[in-house]
Amino acid sequence: MTEPGTHSAGEGLSDEEMVETVAGQTDSASEHADNAGKDWSGKDLDAPAPTDQG
């Protein structure tokens, strides 16, 4: 159910426009890419330990 005054994500966009929008938000060449995987101090974060879900 949609709340009054709201709309679905991507409403009114074509598939191609949606792809371009998402690609721009996840572009590894973005100005913030070098901060990915770092904490607020700029230190590298450790990857989470693997879990056994078998």
N, C-alpha and C. Protein backbone atom coordinates (compact mmCIF):
# COMPACT_ATOMS: atom_id res chain seq x y z
N MET A 1 0.84 -1.16 0.00
CA MET A 1 0.00 0.00 0.00
C MET A 1 0.89 1.24 0.00
N THR A 2 0.56 2.21 -0.80
CA THR A 2 1.33 3.44 -0.89
C THR A 2 0.68 4.52 -0.03
N GLU A 3 1.48 5.19 0.77
CA GLU A 3 0.97 6.27 1.60
C GLU A 3 0.58 7.46 0.73
N PRO A 4 -0.41 8.23 1.13
CA PRO A 4 -0.78 9.42 0.37
C PRO A 4 0.40 10.38 0.24
N GLY A 5 0.58 10.95 -0.93
CA GLY A 5 1.65 11.91 -1.15
C GLY A 5 3.00 11.28 -1.46
N THR A 6 3.06 9.96 -1.63
CA THR A 6 4.32 9.28 -1.96
C THR A 6 4.18 8.63 -3.33
N HIS A 7 5.29 8.16 -3.85
CA HIS A 7 5.27 7.45 -5.12
C HIS A 7 6.33 6.35 -5.10
N SER A 8 6.21 5.44 -6.02
CA SER A 8 7.16 4.34 -6.10
C SER A 8 8.51 4.83 -6.59
N ALA A 9 9.56 4.19 -6.12
CA ALA A 9 10.91 4.54 -6.58
C ALA A 9 11.01 4.33 -8.08
N GLY A 10 11.54 5.30 -8.77
CA GLY A 10 11.72 5.17 -10.21
C GLY A 10 10.47 5.43 -11.01
N GLU A 11 9.40 5.82 -10.36
CA GLU A 11 8.15 6.08 -11.07
C GLU A 11 8.36 7.14 -12.13
N GLY A 12 7.94 6.84 -13.34
CA GLY A 12 8.07 7.79 -14.44
C GLY A 12 9.38 7.69 -15.19
N LEU A 13 10.28 6.82 -14.77
CA LEU A 13 11.55 6.64 -15.46
C LEU A 13 11.49 5.40 -16.34
N SER A 14 12.16 5.47 -17.48
CA SER A 14 12.27 4.28 -18.32
C SER A 14 13.32 3.35 -17.70
N ASP A 15 13.37 2.12 -18.16
CA ASP A 15 14.38 1.19 -17.66
C ASP A 15 15.78 1.74 -17.88
N GLU A 16 16.02 2.33 -19.05
CA GLU A 16 17.34 2.87 -19.37
C GLU A 16 17.69 4.04 -18.43
N GLU A 17 16.72 4.90 -18.15
CA GLU A 17 16.98 6.01 -17.23
C GLU A 17 17.29 5.51 -15.82
N MET A 18 16.61 4.45 -15.41
CA MET A 18 16.86 3.87 -14.09
C MET A 18 18.26 3.27 -14.03
N VAL A 19 18.66 2.57 -15.09
CA VAL A 19 20.00 1.99 -15.14
C VAL A 19 21.05 3.08 -15.04
N GLU A 20 20.87 4.16 -15.76
CA GLU A 20 21.84 5.27 -15.73
C GLU A 20 21.89 5.92 -14.35
N THR A 21 20.73 6.07 -13.71
CA THR A 21 20.69 6.67 -12.38
C THR A 21 21.44 5.82 -11.37
N VAL A 22 21.18 4.52 -11.37
CA VAL A 22 21.84 3.62 -10.42
C VAL A 22 23.33 3.53 -10.74
N ALA A 23 23.67 3.46 -12.00
CA ALA A 23 25.08 3.37 -12.38
C ALA A 23 25.84 4.61 -11.90
N GLY A 24 25.23 5.76 -11.97
CA GLY A 24 25.88 6.98 -11.51
C GLY A 24 26.08 6.99 -10.00
N GLN A 25 25.19 6.32 -9.27
CA GLN A 25 25.30 6.28 -7.82
C GLN A 25 26.31 5.25 -7.36
N THR A 26 26.63 4.28 -8.21
CA THR A 26 27.53 3.20 -7.81
C THR A 26 28.82 3.21 -8.62
N ASP A 27 29.09 4.29 -9.29
CA ASP A 27 30.26 4.40 -10.15
C ASP A 27 31.55 4.33 -9.33
N SER A 28 32.39 3.35 -9.62
CA SER A 28 33.65 3.20 -8.88
C SER A 28 34.63 4.32 -9.19
N ALA A 29 34.35 5.10 -10.22
CA ALA A 29 35.21 6.23 -10.55
C ALA A 29 34.71 7.51 -9.89
N SER A 30 33.73 7.39 -8.98
CA SER A 30 33.19 8.57 -8.33
C SER A 30 34.22 9.19 -7.40
N GLU A 31 33.97 10.43 -7.03
CA GLU A 31 34.92 11.14 -6.17
C GLU A 31 35.02 10.53 -4.77
N HIS A 32 34.07 9.69 -4.38
CA HIS A 32 34.09 9.09 -3.05
C HIS A 32 34.55 7.63 -3.06
N ALA A 33 34.91 7.10 -4.21
CA ALA A 33 35.27 5.69 -4.31
C ALA A 33 36.46 5.33 -3.44
N ASP A 34 37.39 6.25 -3.26
CA ASP A 34 38.57 5.94 -2.46
C ASP A 34 38.26 5.84 -0.97
N ASN A 35 37.06 6.25 -0.56
CA ASN A 35 36.66 6.15 0.84
C ASN A 35 35.85 4.90 1.14
N ALA A 36 35.50 4.15 0.12
CA ALA A 36 34.71 2.94 0.32
C ALA A 36 35.48 1.95 1.17
N GLY A 37 34.80 1.34 2.13
CA GLY A 37 35.44 0.34 2.99
C GLY A 37 36.32 0.92 4.07
N LYS A 38 36.16 2.22 4.36
CA LYS A 38 36.96 2.85 5.41
C LYS A 38 36.04 3.42 6.48
N ASP A 39 36.58 3.53 7.70
CA ASP A 39 35.79 4.10 8.77
C ASP A 39 35.87 5.63 8.71
N TRP A 40 35.26 6.30 9.68
CA TRP A 40 35.23 7.76 9.68
C TRP A 40 36.63 8.37 9.77
N SER A 41 37.58 7.64 10.29
CA SER A 41 38.95 8.15 10.42
C SER A 41 39.78 7.88 9.17
N GLY A 42 39.19 7.19 8.19
CA GLY A 42 39.91 6.88 6.97
C GLY A 42 40.73 5.61 7.06
N LYS A 43 40.55 4.85 8.14
CA LYS A 43 41.29 3.60 8.30
C LYS A 43 40.53 2.47 7.62
N ASP A 44 41.27 1.54 7.01
CA ASP A 44 40.64 0.41 6.35
C ASP A 44 39.85 -0.42 7.35
N LEU A 45 38.69 -0.87 6.91
CA LEU A 45 37.86 -1.73 7.75
C LEU A 45 38.20 -3.19 7.46
N ASP A 46 38.11 -4.03 8.48
CA ASP A 46 38.32 -5.45 8.29
C ASP A 46 37.06 -6.06 7.69
N ALA A 47 37.24 -6.97 6.77
CA ALA A 47 36.10 -7.67 6.20
C ALA A 47 35.46 -8.53 7.28
N PRO A 48 34.13 -8.69 7.24
CA PRO A 48 33.50 -9.54 8.24
C PRO A 48 33.94 -10.99 8.11
N ALA A 49 33.96 -11.68 9.22
CA ALA A 49 34.34 -13.10 9.21
C ALA A 49 33.30 -13.91 8.46
N PRO A 50 33.73 -14.91 7.71
CA PRO A 50 32.76 -15.75 7.00
C PRO A 50 31.90 -16.52 8.00
N THR A 51 30.68 -16.80 7.59
CA THR A 51 29.78 -17.56 8.45
C THR A 51 29.44 -18.87 7.76
N ASP A 52 29.19 -19.89 8.55
CA ASP A 52 28.82 -21.19 8.02
C ASP A 52 27.31 -21.32 8.09
N GLN A 53 26.66 -21.19 6.94
CA GLN A 53 25.21 -21.26 6.91
C GLN A 53 24.75 -22.50 6.16
N GLY A 54 25.50 -23.57 6.29
CA GLY A 54 25.21 -24.78 5.56
C GLY A 54 24.32 -25.72 6.22
